[in-house]
C-alpha atoms as a PDB file:
ATOM      1  CA  MET A   1      62.215 138.659 166.341  1.00  0.00           C
ATOM      2  CA  ILE A   2      60.589 138.351 169.832  1.00  0.00           C
ATOM      3  CA  ILE A   3      56.884 137.566 169.961  1.00  0.00           C
ATOM      4  CA  VAL A   4      54.874 138.533 173.034  1.00  0.00           C
ATOM      5  CA  ASN A   5      52.089 136.076 173.759  1.00  0.00           C
ATOM      6  CA  LEU A   6      50.697 137.925 176.780  1.00  0.00           C
ATOM      7  CA  ASP A   7      47.283 138.279 175.277  1.00  0.00           C
ATOM      8  CA  VAL A   8      47.174 134.452 174.699  1.00  0.00           C
ATOM      9  CA  MET A   9      48.096 133.721 178.314  1.00  0.00           C
ATOM     10  CA  MET A  10      45.579 136.264 179.616  1.00  0.00           C
ATOM     11  CA  ALA A  11      42.867 134.618 177.511  1.00  0.00           C
ATOM     12  CA  ARG A  12      43.835 131.174 178.812  1.00  0.00           C
ATOM     13  CA  ARG A  13      43.592 132.435 182.396  1.00  0.00           C
ATOM     14  CA  LYS A  14      40.467 134.439 181.634  1.00  0.00           C
ATOM     15  CA  MET A  15      42.194 137.484 183.060  1.00  0.00           C
ATOM     16  CA  SER A  16      41.421 141.085 181.894  1.00  0.00           C
ATOM     17  CA  LEU A  17      44.095 143.710 181.437  1.00  0.00           C
ATOM     18  CA  ASN A  18      42.576 145.599 184.404  1.00  0.00           C
ATOM     19  CA  GLU A  19      42.856 142.567 186.619  1.00  0.00           C
ATOM     20  CA  LEU A  20      46.387 141.781 185.490  1.00  0.00           C
ATOM     21  CA  SER A  21      47.353 145.489 186.078  1.00  0.00           C
ATOM     22  CA  GLU A  22      45.995 145.357 189.634  1.00  0.00           C
ATOM     23  CA  ARG A  23      47.735 142.042 190.476  1.00  0.00           C
ATOM     24  CA  VAL A  24      51.111 143.057 188.993  1.00  0.00           C
ATOM     25  CA  GLY A  25      51.142 146.685 190.003  1.00  0.00           C
ATOM     26  CA  ILE A  26      51.819 147.971 186.459  1.00  0.00           C
ATOM     27  CA  THR A  27      49.714 150.577 184.699  1.00  0.00           C
ATOM     28  CA  ILE A  28      47.332 149.443 182.012  1.00  0.00           C
ATOM     29  CA  ALA A  29      49.211 151.614 179.481  1.00  0.00           C
ATOM     30  CA  ASN A  30      52.485 149.885 180.191  1.00  0.00           C
ATOM     31  CA  LEU A  31      50.906 146.474 180.001  1.00  0.00           C
ATOM     32  CA  SER A  32      49.243 147.384 176.717  1.00  0.00           C
ATOM     33  CA  ILE A  33      52.647 148.407 175.285  1.00  0.00           C
ATOM     34  CA  LEU A  34      54.077 145.048 176.341  1.00  0.00           C
ATOM     35  CA  LYS A  35      51.061 143.162 175.030  1.00  0.00           C
ATOM     36  CA  THR A  36      51.210 144.723 171.585  1.00  0.00           C
ATOM     37  CA  GLY A  37      54.932 143.993 171.318  1.00  0.00           C
ATOM     38  CA  LYS A  38      55.876 147.615 171.236  1.00  0.00           C
ATOM     39  CA  ALA A  39      57.986 147.493 174.378  1.00  0.00           C
ATOM     40  CA  LYS A  40      61.734 147.867 173.815  1.00  0.00           C
ATOM     41  CA  ALA A  41      62.645 146.009 177.009  1.00  0.00           C
ATOM     42  CA  VAL A  42      60.965 144.273 180.103  1.00  0.00           C
ATOM     43  CA  ARG A  43      62.470 144.050 183.478  1.00  0.00           C
ATOM     44  CA  PHE A  44      62.961 140.701 185.037  1.00  0.00           C
ATOM     45  CA  SER A  45      60.921 141.791 188.130  1.00  0.00           C
ATOM     46  CA  THR A  46      58.045 142.716 185.853  1.00  0.00           C
ATOM     47  CA  LEU A  47      58.263 139.430 183.990  1.00  0.00           C
ATOM     48  CA  ASP A  48      58.481 137.602 187.355  1.00  0.00           C
ATOM     49  CA  ALA A  49      55.302 139.419 188.608  1.00  0.00           C
ATOM     50  CA  ILE A  50      53.400 138.702 185.354  1.00  0.00           C
ATOM     51  CA  CYS A  51      54.401 135.022 185.438  1.00  0.00           C
ATOM     52  CA  ARG A  52      53.230 134.764 189.074  1.00  0.00           C
ATOM     53  CA  ALA A  53      49.908 136.466 188.280  1.00  0.00           C
ATOM     54  CA  LEU A  54      49.251 134.268 185.267  1.00  0.00           C
ATOM     55  CA  ASP A  55      50.842 131.086 186.769  1.00  0.00           C
ATOM     56  CA  CYS A  56      53.021 130.564 183.765  1.00  0.00           C
ATOM     57  CA  THR A  57      56.710 130.708 182.766  1.00  0.00           C
ATOM     58  CA  PRO A  58      58.629 133.425 180.749  1.00  0.00           C
ATOM     59  CA  GLY A  59      58.638 131.001 177.805  1.00  0.00           C
ATOM     60  CA  ASP A  60      54.792 131.031 177.774  1.00  0.00           C
ATOM     61  CA  ILE A  61      54.802 134.807 177.320  1.00  0.00           C
ATOM     62  CA  LEU A  62      57.967 135.444 175.128  1.00  0.00           C
ATOM     63  CA  GLU A  63      58.829 133.484 172.028  1.00  0.00           C
ATOM     64  CA  TYR A  64      61.758 133.847 169.594  1.00  0.00           C
ATOM     65  CA  HIS A  65      61.492 133.539 165.807  1.00  0.00           C
ATOM     66  CA  PRO A  66      64.678 134.065 163.781  1.00  0.00           C
ATOM     67  CA  PHE A  67      62.988 135.701 160.704  1.00  0.00           C
END
């Protein structure tokens, strides 16, 4: 099971969904789908842009739990 910790990183950086959307160039709707863990996939370019905007690594956003 892949856990998405996007909301945690956004809170740590005090960044709103609107601000992240503007910085990354992704719609709020698509970021919401990713944030809630409902996304089926994420492009490396999207992950790269999110990590740059939040000054973090992919491992800070995505976590694996073998349940």
